[in-house]
Amino acid sequence: MPAYKVIGKSGIPIKTPETLHPGEVLLMEIEARQLKKSEFAAQLNIQASQLSELLHEKRHISAQMAIKLETILGIDAEFWMRLQTSYDIAVERKRLALAA
């Protein structure tokens, strides 16, 4: 599996302090494609309330959901899982820093 990094002009990977939840990215994608959320939830075979929780960062993206998104949107499941993992790690790092 290829590693995805953003490389600056100096050749050093660029990292951002921003924590991006996959639900936020999914919301942007839904809006960009002008999809109705209720219809999209039905395509995912989930309740509209479950989609809303995901879009409002109250749910995580599972491997199963990532594959459903890949099938419907054509965006690799690995992309969604990388977003979720990066988000989880960033949140945990912040939590540990506050606890120290």
PDB file of N, CA and C in Angstrom:
ATOM      1  N   MET A   1       0.849  -1.169   0.000  1.00  0.00           N
ATOM      2  CA  MET A   1       0.000   0.000   0.000  1.00  0.00           C
ATOM      3  C   MET A   1       0.900   1.240   0.000  1.00  0.00           C
ATOM      4  N   PRO A   2       0.635   2.204  -0.882  1.00  0.00           N
ATOM      5  CA  PRO A   2       1.469   3.397  -0.941  1.00  0.00           C
ATOM      6  C   PRO A   2       1.245   4.299   0.273  1.00  0.00           C
ATOM      7  N   ALA A   3       2.307   4.970   0.662  1.00  0.00           N
ATOM      8  CA  ALA A   3       2.206   5.938   1.751  1.00  0.00           C
ATOM      9  C   ALA A   3       1.916   7.302   1.143  1.00  0.00           C
ATOM     10  N   TYR A   4       0.967   8.010   1.698  1.00  0.00           N
ATOM     11  CA  TYR A   4       0.601   9.319   1.182  1.00  0.00           C
ATOM     12  C   TYR A   4       1.124  10.380   2.123  1.00  0.00           C
ATOM     13  N   LYS A   5       1.936  11.290   1.567  1.00  0.00           N
ATOM     14  CA  LYS A   5       2.490  12.383   2.349  1.00  0.00           C
ATOM     15  C   LYS A   5       2.451  13.636   1.487  1.00  0.00           C
ATOM     16  N   VAL A   6       2.373  14.761   2.152  1.00  0.00           N
ATOM     17  CA  VAL A   6       2.512  16.037   1.468  1.00  0.00           C
ATOM     18  C   VAL A   6       3.943  16.494   1.724  1.00  0.00           C
ATOM     19  N   ILE A   7       4.705  16.642   0.637  1.00  0.00           N
ATOM     20  CA  ILE A   7       6.114  16.997   0.744  1.00  0.00           C
ATOM     21  C   ILE A   7       6.297  18.455   0.360  1.00  0.00           C
ATOM     22  N   GLY A   8       6.992  19.209   1.210  1.00  0.00           N
ATOM     23  CA  GLY A   8       7.280  20.617   0.929  1.00  0.00           C
ATOM     24  C   GLY A   8       8.445  20.753  -0.038  1.00  0.00           C
ATOM     25  N   LYS A   9       8.761  21.982  -0.425  1.00  0.00           N
ATOM     26  CA  LYS A   9       9.852  22.249  -1.367  1.00  0.00           C
ATOM     27  C   LYS A   9      11.194  21.758  -0.845  1.00  0.00           C
ATOM     28  N   SER A  10      11.323  21.725   0.466  1.00  0.00           N
ATOM     29  CA  SER A  10      12.573  21.276   1.077  1.00  0.00           C
ATOM     30  C   SER A  10      12.710  19.754   1.075  1.00  0.00           C
ATOM     31  N   GLY A  11      11.645  19.069   0.678  1.00  0.00           N
ATOM     32  CA  GLY A  11      11.664  17.610   0.679  1.00  0.00           C
ATOM     33  C   GLY A  11      11.218  17.006   1.997  1.00  0.00           C
ATOM     34  N   ILE A  12      10.838  17.845   2.938  1.00  0.00           N
ATOM     35  CA  ILE A  12      10.397  17.396   4.261  1.00  0.00           C
ATOM     36  C   ILE A  12       8.869  17.309   4.272  1.00  0.00           C
ATOM     37  N   PRO A  13       8.327  16.222   4.831  1.00  0.00           N
ATOM     38  CA  PRO A  13       6.859  16.112   4.903  1.00  0.00           C
ATOM     39  C   PRO A  13       6.249  17.270   5.694  1.00  0.00           C
ATOM     40  N   ILE A  14       5.132  17.769   5.204  1.00  0.00           N
ATOM     41  CA  ILE A  14       4.409  18.855   5.865  1.00  0.00           C
ATOM     42  C   ILE A  14       3.312  18.237   6.720  1.00  0.00           C
ATOM     43  N   LYS A  15       3.254  18.657   7.972  1.00  0.00           N
ATOM     44  CA  LYS A  15       2.195  18.203   8.868  1.00  0.00           C
ATOM     45  C   LYS A  15       1.403  19.416   9.295  1.00  0.00           C
ATOM     46  N   THR A  16       0.138  19.215   9.532  1.00  0.00           N
ATOM     47  CA  THR A  16      -0.725  20.303   9.962  1.00  0.00           C
ATOM     48  C   THR A  16      -1.213  20.041  11.376  1.00  0.00           C
ATOM     49  N   PRO A  17      -1.365  21.090  12.170  1.00  0.00           N
ATOM     50  CA  PRO A  17      -1.888  20.897  13.521  1.00  0.00           C
ATOM     51  C   PRO A  17      -3.402  20.674  13.534  1.00  0.00           C
ATOM     52  N   GLU A  18      -4.041  20.838  12.399  1.00  0.00           N
ATOM     53  CA  GLU A  18      -5.486  20.655  12.306  1.00  0.00           C
ATOM     54  C   GLU A  18      -5.861  19.187  12.403  1.00  0.00           C
ATOM     55  N   THR A  19      -6.924  18.930  13.123  1.00  0.00           N
ATOM     56  CA  THR A  19      -7.461  17.587  13.240  1.00  0.00           C
ATOM     57  C   THR A  19      -8.727  17.538  12.401  1.00  0.00           C
ATOM     58  N   LEU A  20      -8.722  16.693  11.391  1.00  0.00           N
ATOM     59  CA  LEU A  20      -9.839  16.629  10.460  1.00  0.00           C
ATOM     60  C   LEU A  20     -10.566  15.299  10.619  1.00  0.00           C
ATOM     61  N   HIS A  21     -11.805  15.368  11.086  1.00  0.00           N
ATOM     62  CA  HIS A  21     -12.623  14.158  11.242  1.00  0.00           C
ATOM     63  C   HIS A  21     -13.134  13.740   9.864  1.00  0.00           C
ATOM     64  N   PRO A  22     -13.174  12.438   9.577  1.00  0.00           N
ATOM     65  CA  PRO A  22     -13.666  11.994   8.269  1.00  0.00           C
ATOM     66  C   PRO A  22     -15.105  12.420   7.989  1.00  0.00           C
ATOM     67  N   GLY A  23     -15.905  12.610   9.028  1.00  0.00           N
ATOM     68  CA  GLY A  23     -17.271  13.081   8.830  1.00  0.00           C
ATOM     69  C   GLY A  23     -17.311  14.467   8.213  1.00  0.00           C
ATOM     70  N   GLU A  24     -16.347  15.294   8.583  1.00  0.00           N
ATOM     71  CA  GLU A  24     -16.252  16.643   8.020  1.00  0.00           C
ATOM     72  C   GLU A  24     -15.932  16.571   6.526  1.00  0.00           C
ATOM     73  N   VAL A  25     -15.029  15.677   6.164  1.00  0.00           N
ATOM     74  CA  VAL A  25     -14.678  15.483   4.756  1.00  0.00           C
ATOM     75  C   VAL A  25     -15.871  14.915   3.995  1.00  0.00           C
ATOM     76  N   LEU A  26     -16.556  13.967   4.600  1.00  0.00           N
ATOM     77  CA  LEU A  26     -17.726  13.371   3.966  1.00  0.00           C
ATOM     78  C   LEU A  26     -18.811  14.422   3.735  1.00  0.00           C
ATOM     79  N   LEU A  27     -19.028  15.289   4.699  1.00  0.00           N
ATOM     80  CA  LEU A  27     -20.015  16.356   4.534  1.00  0.00           C
ATOM     81  C   LEU A  27     -19.649  17.248   3.352  1.00  0.00           C
ATOM     82  N   MET A  28     -18.381  17.608   3.236  1.00  0.00           N
ATOM     83  CA  MET A  28     -17.941  18.426   2.106  1.00  0.00           C
ATOM     84  C   MET A  28     -18.203  17.710   0.780  1.00  0.00           C
ATOM     85  N   GLU A  29     -17.970  16.404   0.768  1.00  0.00           N
ATOM     86  CA  GLU A  29     -18.181  15.603  -0.443  1.00  0.00           C
ATOM     87  C   GLU A  29     -19.670  15.540  -0.795  1.00  0.00           C
ATOM     88  N   ILE A  30     -20.506  15.321   0.201  1.00  0.00           N
ATOM     89  CA  ILE A  30     -21.958  15.272  -0.016  1.00  0.00           C
ATOM     90  C   ILE A  30     -22.446  16.605  -0.573  1.00  0.00           C
ATOM     91  N   GLU A  31     -21.987  17.695   0.023  1.00  0.00           N
ATOM     92  CA  GLU A  31     -22.400  19.020  -0.441  1.00  0.00           C
ATOM     93  C   GLU A  31     -21.879  19.315  -1.840  1.00  0.00           C
ATOM     94  N   ALA A  32     -20.631  18.950  -2.113  1.00  0.00           N
ATOM     95  CA  ALA A  32     -20.048  19.195  -3.440  1.00  0.00           C
ATOM     96  C   ALA A  32     -20.806  18.441  -4.533  1.00  0.00           C
ATOM     97  N   ARG A  33     -21.287  17.252  -4.198  1.00  0.00           N
ATOM     98  CA  ARG A  33     -22.029  16.442  -5.172  1.00  0.00           C
ATOM     99  C   ARG A  33     -23.531  16.751  -5.149  1.00  0.00           C
ATOM    100  N   GLN A  34     -23.925  17.648  -4.269  1.00  0.00           N
ATOM    101  CA  GLN A  34     -25.326  18.052  -4.115  1.00  0.00           C
ATOM    102  C   GLN A  34     -26.246  16.846  -3.880  1.00  0.00           C
ATOM    103  N   LEU A  35     -25.800  15.971  -2.975  1.00  0.00           N
ATOM    104  CA  LEU A  35     -26.574  14.784  -2.626  1.00  0.00           C
ATOM    105  C   LEU A  35     -27.532  15.109  -1.487  1.00  0.00           C
ATOM    106  N   LYS A  36     -28.695  14.480  -1.500  1.00  0.00           N
ATOM    107  CA  LYS A  36     -29.621  14.606  -0.376  1.00  0.00           C
ATOM    108  C   LYS A  36     -29.153  13.640   0.708  1.00  0.00           C
ATOM    109  N   LYS A  37     -29.018  14.152   1.913  1.00  0.00           N
ATOM    110  CA  LYS A  37     -28.488  13.333   3.006  1.00  0.00           C
ATOM    111  C   LYS A  37     -29.360  12.114   3.284  1.00  0.00           C
ATOM    112  N   SER A  38     -30.666  12.279   3.234  1.00  0.00           N
ATOM    113  CA  SER A  38     -31.561  11.146   3.505  1.00  0.00           C
ATOM    114  C   SER A  38     -31.403  10.059   2.450  1.00  0.00           C
ATOM    115  N   GLU A  39     -31.256  10.451   1.194  1.00  0.00           N
ATOM    116  CA  GLU A  39     -31.066   9.472   0.119  1.00  0.00           C
ATOM    117  C   GLU A  39     -29.701   8.810   0.225  1.00  0.00           C
ATOM    118  N   PHE A  40     -28.696   9.607   0.607  1.00  0.00           N
ATOM    119  CA  PHE A  40     -27.361   9.058   0.755  1.00  0.00           C
ATOM    120  C   PHE A  40     -27.319   8.047   1.899  1.00  0.00           C
ATOM    121  N   ALA A  41     -27.991   8.363   2.999  1.00  0.00           N
ATOM    122  CA  ALA A  41     -28.073   7.428   4.128  1.00  0.00           C
ATOM    123  C   ALA A  41     -28.725   6.123   3.680  1.00  0.00           C
ATOM    124  N   ALA A  42     -29.773   6.219   2.865  1.00  0.00           N
ATOM    125  CA  ALA A  42     -30.451   5.016   2.365  1.00  0.00           C
ATOM    126  C   ALA A  42     -29.503   4.198   1.493  1.00  0.00           C
ATOM    127  N   GLN A  43     -28.692   4.876   0.677  1.00  0.00           N
ATOM    128  CA  GLN A  43     -27.712   4.151  -0.149  1.00  0.00           C
ATOM    129  C   GLN A  43     -26.694   3.421   0.724  1.00  0.00           C
ATOM    130  N   LEU A  44     -26.344   4.023   1.840  1.00  0.00           N
ATOM    131  CA  LEU A  44     -25.397   3.402   2.778  1.00  0.00           C
ATOM    132  C   LEU A  44     -26.053   2.316   3.620  1.00  0.00           C
ATOM    133  N   ASN A  45     -27.384   2.245   3.537  1.00  0.00           N
ATOM    134  CA  ASN A  45     -28.165   1.295   4.320  1.00  0.00           C
ATOM    135  C   ASN A  45     -28.040   1.580   5.826  1.00  0.00           C
ATOM    136  N   ILE A  46     -28.098   2.881   6.154  1.00  0.00           N
ATOM    137  CA  ILE A  46     -28.086   3.308   7.555  1.00  0.00           C
ATOM    138  C   ILE A  46     -29.217   4.319   7.757  1.00  0.00           C
ATOM    139  N   GLN A  47     -29.556   4.556   9.013  1.00  0.00           N
ATOM    140  CA  GLN A  47     -30.562   5.550   9.347  1.00  0.00           C
ATOM    141  C   GLN A  47     -29.995   6.953   9.092  1.00  0.00           C
ATOM    142  N   ALA A  48     -30.861   7.888   8.751  1.00  0.00           N
ATOM    143  CA  ALA A  48     -30.436   9.277   8.553  1.00  0.00           C
ATOM    144  C   ALA A  48     -29.774   9.821   9.820  1.00  0.00           C
ATOM    145  N   SER A  49     -30.259   9.401  10.985  1.00  0.00           N
ATOM    146  CA  SER A  49     -29.672   9.864  12.252  1.00  0.00           C
ATOM    147  C   SER A  49     -28.230   9.367  12.410  1.00  0.00           C
ATOM    148  N   GLN A  50     -27.952   8.162  11.913  1.00  0.00           N
ATOM    149  CA  GLN A  50     -26.585   7.636  11.987  1.00  0.00           C
ATOM    150  C   GLN A  50     -25.650   8.441  11.085  1.00  0.00           C
ATOM    151  N   LEU A  51     -26.143   8.794   9.898  1.00  0.00           N
ATOM    152  CA  LEU A  51     -25.338   9.626   9.010  1.00  0.00           C
ATOM    153  C   LEU A  51     -25.095  10.981   9.654  1.00  0.00           C
ATOM    154  N   SER A  52     -26.118  11.548  10.255  1.00  0.00           N
ATOM    155  CA  SER A  52     -25.984  12.843  10.916  1.00  0.00           C
ATOM    156  C   SER A  52     -24.933  12.784  12.022  1.00  0.00           C
ATOM    157  N   GLU A  53     -24.943  11.712  12.799  1.00  0.00           N
ATOM    158  CA  GLU A  53     -23.947  11.556  13.865  1.00  0.00           C
ATOM    159  C   GLU A  53     -22.535  11.481  13.281  1.00  0.00           C
ATOM    160  N   LEU A  54     -22.381  10.813  12.162  1.00  0.00           N
ATOM    161  CA  LEU A  54     -21.072  10.727  11.507  1.00  0.00           C
ATOM    162  C   LEU A  54     -20.642  12.110  11.019  1.00  0.00           C
ATOM    163  N   LEU A  55     -21.552  12.818  10.379  1.00  0.00           N
ATOM    164  CA  LEU A  55     -21.230  14.141   9.841  1.00  0.00           C
ATOM    165  C   LEU A  55     -20.941  15.156  10.945  1.00  0.00           C
ATOM    166  N   HIS A  56     -21.495  14.925  12.147  1.00  0.00           N
ATOM    167  CA  HIS A  56     -21.268  15.821  13.279  1.00  0.00           C
ATOM    168  C   HIS A  56     -20.200  15.278  14.227  1.00  0.00           C
ATOM    169  N   GLU A  57     -19.389  14.357  13.721  1.00  0.00           N
ATOM    170  CA  GLU A  57     -18.209  13.838  14.430  1.00  0.00           C
ATOM    171  C   GLU A  57     -18.544  13.094  15.710  1.00  0.00           C
ATOM    172  N   LYS A  58     -19.716  12.474  15.749  1.00  0.00           N
ATOM    173  CA  LYS A  58     -20.116  11.687  16.917  1.00  0.00           C
ATOM    174  C   LYS A  58     -19.981  10.192  16.655  1.00  0.00           C
ATOM    175  N   ARG A  59     -19.658   9.819  15.435  1.00  0.00           N
ATOM    176  CA  ARG A  59     -19.423   8.426  15.046  1.00  0.00           C
ATOM    177  C   ARG A  59     -18.122   8.347  14.279  1.00  0.00           C
ATOM    178  N   HIS A  60     -17.522   7.177  14.323  1.00  0.00           N
ATOM    179  CA  HIS A  60     -16.305   6.923  13.562  1.00  0.00           C
ATOM    180  C   HIS A  60     -16.629   6.149  12.291  1.00  0.00           C
ATOM    181  N   ILE A  61     -15.707   6.186  11.374  1.00  0.00           N
ATOM    182  CA  ILE A  61     -15.850   5.403  10.150  1.00  0.00           C
ATOM    183  C   ILE A  61     -15.217   4.042  10.391  1.00  0.00           C
ATOM    184  N   SER A  62     -15.997   3.006  10.226  1.00  0.00           N
ATOM    185  CA  SER A  62     -15.515   1.640  10.361  1.00  0.00           C
ATOM    186  C   SER A  62     -15.021   1.156   8.992  1.00  0.00           C
ATOM    187  N   ALA A  63     -14.366   0.016   8.988  1.00  0.00           N
ATOM    188  CA  ALA A  63     -13.923  -0.564   7.720  1.00  0.00           C
ATOM    189  C   ALA A  63     -15.125  -0.848   6.818  1.00  0.00           C
ATOM    190  N   GLN A  64     -16.203  -1.332   7.414  1.00  0.00           N
ATOM    191  CA  GLN A  64     -17.409  -1.617   6.636  1.00  0.00           C
ATOM    192  C   GLN A  64     -17.961  -0.342   5.996  1.00  0.00           C
ATOM    193  N   MET A  65     -18.019   0.738   6.764  1.00  0.00           N
ATOM    194  CA  MET A  65     -18.509   2.009   6.232  1.00  0.00           C
ATOM    195  C   MET A  65     -17.565   2.533   5.154  1.00  0.00           C
ATOM    196  N   ALA A  66     -16.269   2.391   5.373  1.00  0.00           N
ATOM    197  CA  ALA A  66     -15.294   2.855   4.385  1.00  0.00           C
ATOM    198  C   ALA A  66     -15.502   2.149   3.038  1.00  0.00           C
ATOM    199  N   ILE A  67     -15.803   0.880   3.086  1.00  0.00           N
ATOM    200  CA  ILE A  67     -16.042   0.125   1.845  1.00  0.00           C
ATOM    201  C   ILE A  67     -17.346   0.576   1.193  1.00  0.00           C
ATOM    202  N   LYS A  68     -18.360   0.856   1.994  1.00  0.00           N
ATOM    203  CA  LYS A  68     -19.616   1.371   1.434  1.00  0.00           C
ATOM    204  C   LYS A  68     -19.379   2.717   0.753  1.00  0.00           C
ATOM    205  N   LEU A  69     -18.608   3.585   1.393  1.00  0.00           N
ATOM    206  CA  LEU A  69     -18.305   4.895   0.806  1.00  0.00           C
ATOM    207  C   LEU A  69     -17.515   4.741  -0.487  1.00  0.00           C
ATOM    208  N   GLU A  70     -16.585   3.797  -0.492  1.00  0.00           N
ATOM    209  CA  GLU A  70     -15.812   3.521  -1.700  1.00  0.00           C
ATOM    210  C   GLU A  70     -16.734   3.111  -2.847  1.00  0.00           C
ATOM    211  N   THR A  71     -17.671   2.224  -2.550  1.00  0.00           N
ATOM    212  CA  THR A  71     -18.598   1.728  -3.567  1.00  0.00           C
ATOM    213  C   THR A  71     -19.482   2.833  -4.112  1.00  0.00           C
ATOM    214  N   ILE A  72     -19.996   3.678  -3.233  1.00  0.00           N
ATOM    215  CA  ILE A  72     -20.945   4.707  -3.639  1.00  0.00           C
ATOM    216  C   ILE A  72     -20.254   5.942  -4.223  1.00  0.00           C
ATOM    217  N   LEU A  73     -19.179   6.388  -3.574  1.00  0.00           N
ATOM    218  CA  LEU A  73     -18.536   7.640  -3.986  1.00  0.00           C
ATOM    219  C   LEU A  73     -17.332   7.451  -4.895  1.00  0.00           C
ATOM    220  N   GLY A  74     -16.790   6.230  -4.931  1.00  0.00           N
ATOM    221  CA  GLY A  74     -15.603   5.992  -5.745  1.00  0.00           C
ATOM    222  C   GLY A  74     -14.326   6.510  -5.112  1.00  0.00           C
ATOM    223  N   ILE A  75     -14.356   6.747  -3.797  1.00  0.00           N
ATOM    224  CA  ILE A  75     -13.173   7.192  -3.052  1.00  0.00           C
ATOM    225  C   ILE A  75     -12.687   6.003  -2.235  1.00  0.00           C
ATOM    226  N   ASP A  76     -11.431   5.625  -2.424  1.00  0.00           N
ATOM    227  CA  ASP A  76     -10.875   4.425  -1.806  1.00  0.00           C
ATOM    228  C   ASP A  76     -11.191   4.308  -0.320  1.00  0.00           C
ATOM    229  N   ALA A  77     -11.521   3.097   0.091  1.00  0.00           N
ATOM    230  CA  ALA A  77     -11.775   2.806   1.504  1.00  0.00           C
ATOM    231  C   ALA A  77     -10.550   3.152   2.348  1.00  0.00           C
ATOM    232  N   GLU A  78      -9.376   2.942   1.795  1.00  0.00           N
ATOM    233  CA  GLU A  78      -8.138   3.249   2.530  1.00  0.00           C
ATOM    234  C   GLU A  78      -8.040   4.733   2.864  1.00  0.00           C
ATOM    235  N   PHE A  79      -8.541   5.582   1.973  1.00  0.00           N
ATOM    236  CA  PHE A  79      -8.546   7.019   2.233  1.00  0.00           C
ATOM    237  C   PHE A  79      -9.351   7.317   3.488  1.00  0.00           C
ATOM    238  N   TRP A  80     -10.558   6.758   3.571  1.00  0.00           N
ATOM    239  CA  TRP A  80     -11.426   6.999   4.726  1.00  0.00           C
ATOM    240  C   TRP A  80     -10.799   6.446   6.011  1.00  0.00           C
ATOM    241  N   MET A  81     -10.180   5.274   5.908  1.00  0.00           N
ATOM    242  CA  MET A  81      -9.562   4.679   7.093  1.00  0.00           C
ATOM    243  C   MET A  81      -8.330   5.473   7.530  1.00  0.00           C
ATOM    244  N   ARG A  82      -7.560   6.005   6.568  1.00  0.00           N
ATOM    245  CA  ARG A  82      -6.409   6.854   6.928  1.00  0.00           C
ATOM    246  C   ARG A  82      -6.885   8.114   7.643  1.00  0.00           C
ATOM    247  N   LEU A  83      -7.956   8.705   7.135  1.00  0.00           N
ATOM    248  CA  LEU A  83      -8.508   9.889   7.798  1.00  0.00           C
ATOM    249  C   LEU A  83      -8.907   9.572   9.232  1.00  0.00           C
ATOM    250  N   GLN A  84      -9.614   8.449   9.414  1.00  0.00           N
ATOM    251  CA  GLN A  84     -10.082   8.075  10.751  1.00  0.00           C
ATOM    252  C   GLN A  84      -8.912   7.808  11.679  1.00  0.00           C
ATOM    253  N   THR A  85      -7.921   7.072  11.196  1.00  0.00           N
ATOM    254  CA  THR A  85      -6.759   6.752  12.021  1.00  0.00           C
ATOM    255  C   THR A  85      -5.979   8.012  12.384  1.00  0.00           C
ATOM    256  N   SER A  86      -5.775   8.889  11.418  1.00  0.00           N
ATOM    257  CA  SER A  86      -5.062  10.144  11.685  1.00  0.00           C
ATOM    258  C   SER A  86      -5.803  10.981  12.714  1.00  0.00           C
ATOM    259  N   TYR A  87      -7.116  11.023  12.587  1.00  0.00           N
ATOM    260  CA  TYR A  87      -7.935  11.769  13.543  1.00  0.00           C
ATOM    261  C   TYR A  87      -7.807  11.160  14.942  1.00  0.00           C
ATOM    262  N   ASP A  88      -7.937   9.844  15.027  1.00  0.00           N
ATOM    263  CA  ASP A  88      -7.853   9.167  16.328  1.00  0.00           C
ATOM    264  C   ASP A  88      -6.502   9.406  16.994  1.00  0.00           C
ATOM    265  N   ILE A  89      -5.429   9.340  16.224  1.00  0.00           N
ATOM    266  CA  ILE A  89      -4.086   9.548  16.769  1.00  0.00           C
ATOM    267  C   ILE A  89      -3.921  10.988  17.241  1.00  0.00           C
ATOM    268  N   ALA A  90      -4.396  11.943  16.456  1.00  0.00           N
ATOM    269  CA  ALA A  90      -4.281  13.355  16.836  1.00  0.00           C
ATOM    270  C   ALA A  90      -5.054  13.635  18.123  1.00  0.00           C
ATOM    271  N   VAL A  91      -6.254  13.088  18.227  1.00  0.00           N
ATOM    272  CA  VAL A  91      -7.062  13.288  19.438  1.00  0.00           C
ATOM    273  C   VAL A  91      -6.367  12.674  20.649  1.00  0.00           C
ATOM    274  N   GLU A  92      -5.823  11.491  20.488  1.00  0.00           N
ATOM    275  CA  GLU A  92      -5.144  10.825  21.607  1.00  0.00           C
ATOM    276  C   GLU A  92      -3.879  11.573  22.010  1.00  0.00           C
ATOM    277  N   ARG A  93      -3.122  12.083  21.032  1.00  0.00           N
ATOM    278  CA  ARG A  93      -1.922  12.861  21.354  1.00  0.00           C
ATOM    279  C   ARG A  93      -2.291  14.105  22.163  1.00  0.00           C
ATOM    280  N   LYS A  94      -3.358  14.774  21.761  1.00  0.00           N
ATOM    281  CA  LYS A  94      -3.810  15.959  22.499  1.00  0.00           C
ATOM    282  C   LYS A  94      -4.239  15.571  23.917  1.00  0.00           C
ATOM    283  N   ARG A  95      -4.946  14.456  24.037  1.00  0.00           N
ATOM    284  CA  ARG A  95      -5.403  13.998  25.346  1.00  0.00           C
ATOM    285  C   ARG A  95      -4.222  13.699  26.256  1.00  0.00           C
ATOM    286  N   LEU A  96      -3.211  12.994  25.719  1.00  0.00           N
ATOM    287  CA  LEU A  96      -2.035  12.648  26.513  1.00  0.00           C
ATOM    288  C   LEU A  96      -1.221  13.882  26.890  1.00  0.00           C
ATOM    289  N   ALA A  97      -1.155  14.847  25.984  1.00  0.00           N
ATOM    290  CA  ALA A  97      -0.423  16.087  26.279  1.00  0.00           C
ATOM    291  C   ALA A  97      -1.099  16.862  27.398  1.00  0.00           C
ATOM    292  N   LEU A  98      -2.417  16.853  27.408  1.00  0.00           N
ATOM    293  CA  LEU A  98      -3.155  17.556  28.466  1.00  0.00           C
ATOM    294  C   LEU A  98      -3.024  16.847  29.811  1.00  0.00           C
ATOM    295  N   ALA A  99      -2.888  15.514  29.753  1.00  0.00           N
ATOM    296  CA  ALA A  99      -2.787  14.730  30.983  1.00  0.00           C
ATOM    297  C   ALA A  99      -1.411  14.827  31.611  1.00  0.00           C
ATOM    298  N   ALA A 100      -0.422  15.174  30.799  1.00  0.00           N
ATOM    299  CA  ALA A 100       0.972  15.217  31.302  1.00  0.00           C
ATOM    300  C   ALA A 100       1.255  16.460  32.111  1.00  0.00           C
TER     301      ALA A 100
END
